[in-house]
Protein backbone atom coordinates (compact mmCIF):
# COMPACT_ATOMS: atom_id res chain seq x y z
CA UNK A 1 95.49 99.12 109.83
CA UNK A 2 98.31 101.66 108.39
CA UNK A 3 101.09 103.17 110.34
CA UNK A 4 102.38 106.02 108.45
CA UNK A 5 105.40 107.12 110.13
CA UNK A 6 106.42 110.68 110.15
CA UNK A 7 109.18 111.12 112.63
CA UNK A 8 112.76 111.39 112.49
CA UNK A 9 113.21 109.92 115.97
CA UNK A 10 116.90 108.73 116.62
CA UNK A 11 117.87 110.02 113.24
CA UNK A 12 115.70 107.47 111.47
CA UNK A 13 113.73 109.36 108.90
CA UNK A 14 114.62 106.93 106.35
CA UNK A 15 112.16 104.53 107.70
CA UNK A 16 109.34 107.03 106.74
CA UNK A 17 107.41 105.98 103.51
CA UNK A 18 106.12 109.10 101.70
CA UNK A 19 102.59 110.10 102.38
CA UNK A 20 101.61 110.00 98.41
CA UNK A 21 102.70 106.15 98.67
CA UNK A 22 100.37 105.64 101.36
CA UNK A 23 97.54 107.56 99.56
CA UNK A 24 98.26 105.77 96.63
CA UNK A 25 98.17 102.46 98.34
CA UNK A 26 94.71 103.19 100.00
CA UNK A 27 93.22 104.31 96.79
CA UNK A 28 94.19 100.95 95.06
CA UNK A 29 92.43 98.80 97.64
CA UNK A 30 88.75 97.81 97.48
CA UNK A 31 86.55 100.35 98.81
CA UNK A 32 84.72 97.75 100.70
CA UNK A 33 87.77 97.59 103.32
CA UNK A 34 87.86 99.25 106.59
CA UNK A 35 91.11 100.92 106.79
CA UNK A 36 92.40 102.90 109.66
CA UNK A 37 95.58 105.19 110.37
CA UNK A 38 97.34 104.28 113.83
CA UNK A 39 100.05 105.59 115.74
CA UNK A 40 100.62 108.84 117.68
CA UNK A 41 99.20 112.04 116.55
CA UNK A 42 102.59 113.72 116.70
CA UNK A 43 104.61 111.16 114.40
CA UNK A 44 102.33 109.50 112.10
CA UNK A 45 100.24 110.60 109.32
CA UNK A 46 96.39 110.26 109.00
CA UNK A 47 96.20 109.08 105.46
CA UNK A 48 92.88 110.36 103.54
CA UNK A 49 90.25 107.52 103.08
CA UNK A 50 91.22 106.12 106.48
CA UNK A 51 89.37 106.25 109.65
CA UNK A 52 91.66 108.42 112.06
CA UNK A 53 92.69 106.31 114.84
CA UNK A 54 95.82 107.76 116.03
CA UNK A 55 96.35 108.43 119.58
CA UNK A 56 94.32 105.51 120.72
CA UNK A 57 95.35 104.08 124.28
CA UNK A 58 97.53 100.94 124.07
CA UNK A 59 94.52 98.34 125.34
CA UNK A 60 92.36 99.71 122.51
CA UNK A 61 95.06 99.44 120.28
CA UNK A 62 95.75 95.99 121.26
CA UNK A 63 92.21 95.01 120.74
CA UNK A 64 92.33 96.58 116.92
CA UNK A 65 95.69 94.64 116.23
CA UNK A 66 94.55 91.50 117.51
CA UNK A 67 91.53 91.69 115.12
CA UNK A 68 93.07 93.55 112.36
CA UNK A 69 93.82 90.96 109.03
CA UNK A 70 96.72 93.35 107.82
CA UNK A 71 98.89 95.88 109.42
CA UNK A 72 100.84 97.87 106.88
CA UNK A 73 103.87 100.31 107.83
CA UNK A 74 107.62 100.16 108.46
CA UNK A 75 109.91 98.80 111.26
CA UNK A 76 108.20 100.86 114.17
CA UNK A 77 106.85 100.56 117.54
CA UNK A 78 103.19 100.03 116.33
CA UNK A 79 104.25 97.53 114.17
CA UNK A 80 106.50 95.44 116.79
CA UNK A 81 103.44 96.04 119.10
CA UNK A 82 101.10 94.61 116.53
CA UNK A 83 102.95 91.51 116.15
CA UNK A 84 102.56 90.60 119.83
CA UNK A 85 98.66 91.20 119.72
C-alpha cells in the first residue's frame, strides 16, 4: 500500500514526498506486485501504476492494512492506522 500524502494540514506540507518520487518507486518495484494508493480523495495522490483505493471506508482499509506486506508513506493518519491493523 502507498499513502502519497498531498496536504498542508496543520502546516505540515514538509511531510509530503513529491509525486515523482512515489512514481519512481512504483516503477522500480517488480511488476508482479499488486500495489494500491490509499488515503482520502482530497489529500492523497493516486500514483500511476497503482490501484486507486483512496476514499475507502475504514473497515475496508483495516482489512487491506492487515493483509498488506508493506505500507509506504510519511508519518500520517493512514500509517498510524495501519500499524494497529
